[in-house]
Protein backbone atom coordinates (compact mmCIF):
# COMPACT_ATOMS: atom_id res chain seq x y z
CA MET A 1 0.05 -0.20 0.17
CA ARG A 2 1.31 3.41 -1.05
CA LYS A 3 1.64 6.36 1.49
CA PRO A 4 0.06 9.65 0.51
CA LYS A 5 2.14 12.02 -1.12
CA ARG A 6 1.26 14.84 1.91
CA ASN A 7 2.71 11.80 4.91
CA ARG A 8 5.88 11.36 2.59
CA LEU A 9 6.00 15.11 2.15
CA THR A 10 5.59 15.90 6.36
CA THR A 11 8.05 12.99 6.63
CA GLY A 12 10.94 14.64 4.70
CA LEU A 13 10.39 18.15 6.46
CA LEU A 14 10.73 16.26 9.79
CA ILE A 15 13.41 14.84 8.72
CA ALA A 16 14.84 17.76 7.28
CA VAL A 17 14.66 19.85 10.78
CA LEU A 18 15.74 16.91 12.69
CA SER A 19 19.22 16.95 10.70
CA LEU A 20 19.67 20.61 10.88
CA VAL A 21 18.92 20.59 14.71
CA MET A 22 21.62 17.90 15.25
CA VAL A 23 24.09 19.57 12.93
CA VAL A 24 23.36 23.55 14.51
CA PRO A 25 24.50 22.42 18.25
CA VAL A 26 27.78 20.53 16.58
CA ALA A 27 28.96 23.58 15.13
CA ALA A 28 28.21 25.77 18.18
CA PHE A 29 30.06 23.23 20.67
CA ALA A 30 32.88 23.23 17.99
CA SER A 31 33.80 26.70 18.30
CA ASN A 32 36.00 28.14 21.01
CA GLY A 33 33.00 30.26 23.24
CA LYS A 34 32.94 33.62 22.20
CA GLY A 35 35.34 34.07 19.12
CA ASP A 36 38.27 36.93 19.00
CA ALA A 37 35.93 39.44 16.75
CA GLN A 38 32.77 38.88 19.28
CA LYS A 39 35.03 39.65 22.01
CA SER A 40 36.33 42.63 21.04
CA VAL A 41 33.18 44.01 20.09
CA THR A 42 31.86 43.39 23.43
CA ASP A 43 34.97 45.01 24.76
CA ALA A 44 34.48 47.94 22.81
CA VAL A 45 30.95 48.87 23.82
CA ASN A 46 31.64 48.07 27.37
CA SER A 47 34.72 50.34 26.97
CA ALA A 48 32.94 52.79 25.21
CA SER A 49 29.54 52.91 27.61
CA SER A 50 29.18 56.29 29.37
CA GLY A 51 28.28 56.92 32.42
CA ALA A 52 24.66 57.96 31.30
CA ALA A 53 23.93 54.70 29.95
CA GLN A 54 25.58 53.08 33.21
CA ASN A 55 22.71 55.18 35.08
CA GLY A 56 20.41 54.18 32.84
CA THR A 57 21.06 50.52 33.53
CA THR A 58 20.96 51.02 37.41
CA ALA A 59 18.02 52.95 37.39
CA ARG A 60 16.30 50.11 35.02
CA VAL A 61 17.69 47.89 37.87
CA GLN A 62 16.12 49.79 40.56
CA ALA A 63 12.91 50.37 38.82
CA ASN A 64 12.59 46.98 38.88
CA VAL A 65 13.30 46.29 42.41
CA GLN A 66 10.63 48.83 43.31
CA ALA A 67 7.97 46.94 41.32
CA ARG A 68 9.10 43.79 42.81
CA VAL A 69 8.98 45.06 46.28
CA GLU A 70 5.85 46.71 45.70
CA THR A 71 4.05 43.72 44.70
CA ALA A 72 5.42 41.53 47.35
CA VAL A 73 4.20 44.56 50.13
CA ARG A 74 0.90 44.45 48.58
CA ASN A 75 0.64 40.73 48.47
CA ARG A 76 2.01 40.46 51.88
CA ASP A 77 -0.25 43.45 53.42
CA LYS A 78 -3.76 41.07 51.37
CA ARG A 79 -2.65 37.81 53.04
CA PHE A 80 -1.90 39.61 56.79
CA ASP A 81 -5.03 41.71 56.21
CA ASN A 82 -7.13 38.77 55.17
CA ALA A 83 -5.86 36.51 58.51
CA ALA A 84 -6.84 39.67 60.79
CA ALA A 85 -10.24 40.57 59.47
CA ALA A 86 -11.04 36.78 59.90
CA ILE A 87 -9.73 37.00 63.54
CA GLU A 88 -11.92 39.93 64.24
CA ARG A 89 -15.03 38.39 62.76
CA ASN A 90 -14.54 35.55 64.98
CA ARG A 91 -13.78 38.53 68.05
CA VAL A 92 -17.01 40.16 67.03
CA ARG A 93 -19.00 36.61 66.88
CA LEU A 94 -17.76 35.64 70.38
CA MET A 95 -17.86 39.03 72.04
CA ALA A 96 -21.69 38.58 71.05
CA ALA A 97 -21.85 35.04 72.19
CA VAL A 98 -20.14 36.17 75.82
CA SER A 99 -23.24 38.79 75.43
CA LYS A 100 -25.68 36.04 75.44
CA VAL A 101 -23.58 33.69 78.15
CA GLU A 102 -23.61 36.78 80.62
CA ALA A 103 -27.22 37.39 80.34
CA ALA A 104 -27.86 33.66 81.09
CA GLY A 105 -25.80 34.23 84.22
CA GLY A 106 -22.27 32.75 83.31
CA ASP A 107 -19.33 34.75 84.59
CA CYS A 108 -17.30 35.14 81.49
CA THR A 109 -14.74 37.63 83.31
CA HIS A 110 -12.15 35.69 81.98
CA VAL A 111 -13.03 35.35 78.92
CA ARG A 112 -13.29 39.18 78.41
CA LEU A 113 -9.69 39.48 79.42
CA LEU A 114 -8.65 37.43 76.99
CA LEU A 115 -10.73 39.24 74.45
CA GLN A 116 -8.82 42.46 75.39
CA GLU A 117 -5.55 40.67 74.88
CA CYS A 118 -6.82 39.48 71.71
CA THR A 119 -7.41 43.26 70.13
CA THR A 120 -4.25 44.34 72.14
CA THR A 121 -2.06 41.95 70.28
CA MET A 122 -3.92 42.72 66.92
CA THR A 123 -3.06 46.16 67.19
CA GLN A 124 0.59 45.30 67.78
CA ALA A 125 0.61 43.11 64.82
CA ARG A 126 -1.08 45.81 62.71
CA ALA A 127 1.84 47.84 63.64
CA THR A 128 4.28 45.61 63.28
CA GLU A 129 3.13 44.62 59.87
CA ALA A 130 2.65 48.83 58.97
CA LYS A 131 6.45 49.07 59.99
CA ALA A 132 7.62 45.96 57.91
CA ALA A 133 5.98 47.46 55.35
CA ARG A 134 7.54 50.77 55.36
CA THR A 135 10.77 49.31 56.21
CA LEU A 136 10.76 46.54 53.05
CA GLY A 137 9.36 49.57 50.93
CA ALA A 138 12.57 51.65 51.44
CA ILE A 139 14.32 48.62 50.36
CA PRO A 140 14.93 49.92 46.53
CA GLU A 141 16.55 53.41 47.79
CA SER A 142 18.79 51.72 50.78
CA ALA A 143 22.38 51.46 50.40
CA ASN A 144 22.40 48.15 51.74
CA MET A 145 19.38 46.59 50.28
CA ARG A 146 20.14 43.05 51.59
CA MET A 147 20.01 44.40 55.32
CA GLN A 148 17.30 46.08 54.90
CA PHE A 149 15.19 43.62 53.25
CA GLN A 150 16.50 41.15 56.56
CA ASN A 151 15.43 43.72 58.95
CA GLY A 152 12.21 44.17 57.12
CA ARG A 153 11.46 40.50 56.86
CA ASP A 154 12.32 40.26 60.78
CA GLN A 155 9.70 42.77 61.45
CA ALA A 156 7.24 40.76 59.14
CA ARG A 157 8.13 37.51 61.22
CA ASP A 158 6.98 39.57 64.53
CA ALA A 159 4.19 41.04 62.70
CA VAL A 160 2.80 37.07 61.69
CA SER A 161 3.68 35.80 65.27
CA GLU A 162 1.76 38.96 67.24
CA LEU A 163 -0.99 37.71 64.81
CA LYS A 164 -0.59 33.74 66.01
CA GLN A 165 -0.92 35.10 69.34
CA ALA A 166 -3.98 37.40 69.16
CA ARG A 167 -5.45 34.00 67.54
CA THR A 168 -4.25 32.09 70.33
CA TYR A 169 -6.05 34.28 72.82
CA LEU A 170 -8.78 33.90 70.90
CA HIS A 171 -9.06 30.21 70.54
CA SER A 172 -8.29 30.31 74.76
CA ALA A 173 -11.11 32.91 75.10
CA ILE A 174 -13.61 30.23 73.01
CA ASP A 175 -12.27 27.30 74.79
CA GLU A 176 -12.84 29.05 78.45
CA LEU A 177 -16.49 30.17 76.80
CA HIS A 178 -17.05 26.56 76.44
CA GLN A 179 -16.26 25.88 80.18
CA VAL A 180 -18.76 28.62 81.16
CA VAL A 181 -21.40 27.47 79.11
CA ASN A 182 -20.86 23.75 80.39
CA SER A 183 -20.68 24.79 83.94
CA LEU A 184 -24.19 26.54 83.78
């Protein structure tokens, strides 16, 4: 049975492309890195580059760093705000439950103290997160970007730790409220 003409043409084209792909890399490996002509052109361009061109490159790098930092800080703020909002929603719901339990005759003073600690810790976490955002935002203008980043990262970790502590206070308040309800 004969193959259609299109299949033979496709096969021939495929063979030609594959042989070209096999030949080109071999030729590239045969050269010894950059040729002398290419090296001399590169050296001439590098030596002829003016301070303005270098400043343009530096400005481009700084703009890139600035954009990356802004994106990272924005995403971090969004995640932090979402977590803080979830804790706040649960705290408000728990306060409503505490009011109902107190109306039923339960003693919820310890629960209210834990909720107050939760609120205080949340305030501290928000302040620490704002400080971290300012520190991270100043990375592109900093003389030592690496140190600035490390300081901002440490502050951001502290903010997350404080947020987790606020959540722990909230969970403790929930457990305490369960004990109060069970004792009624």
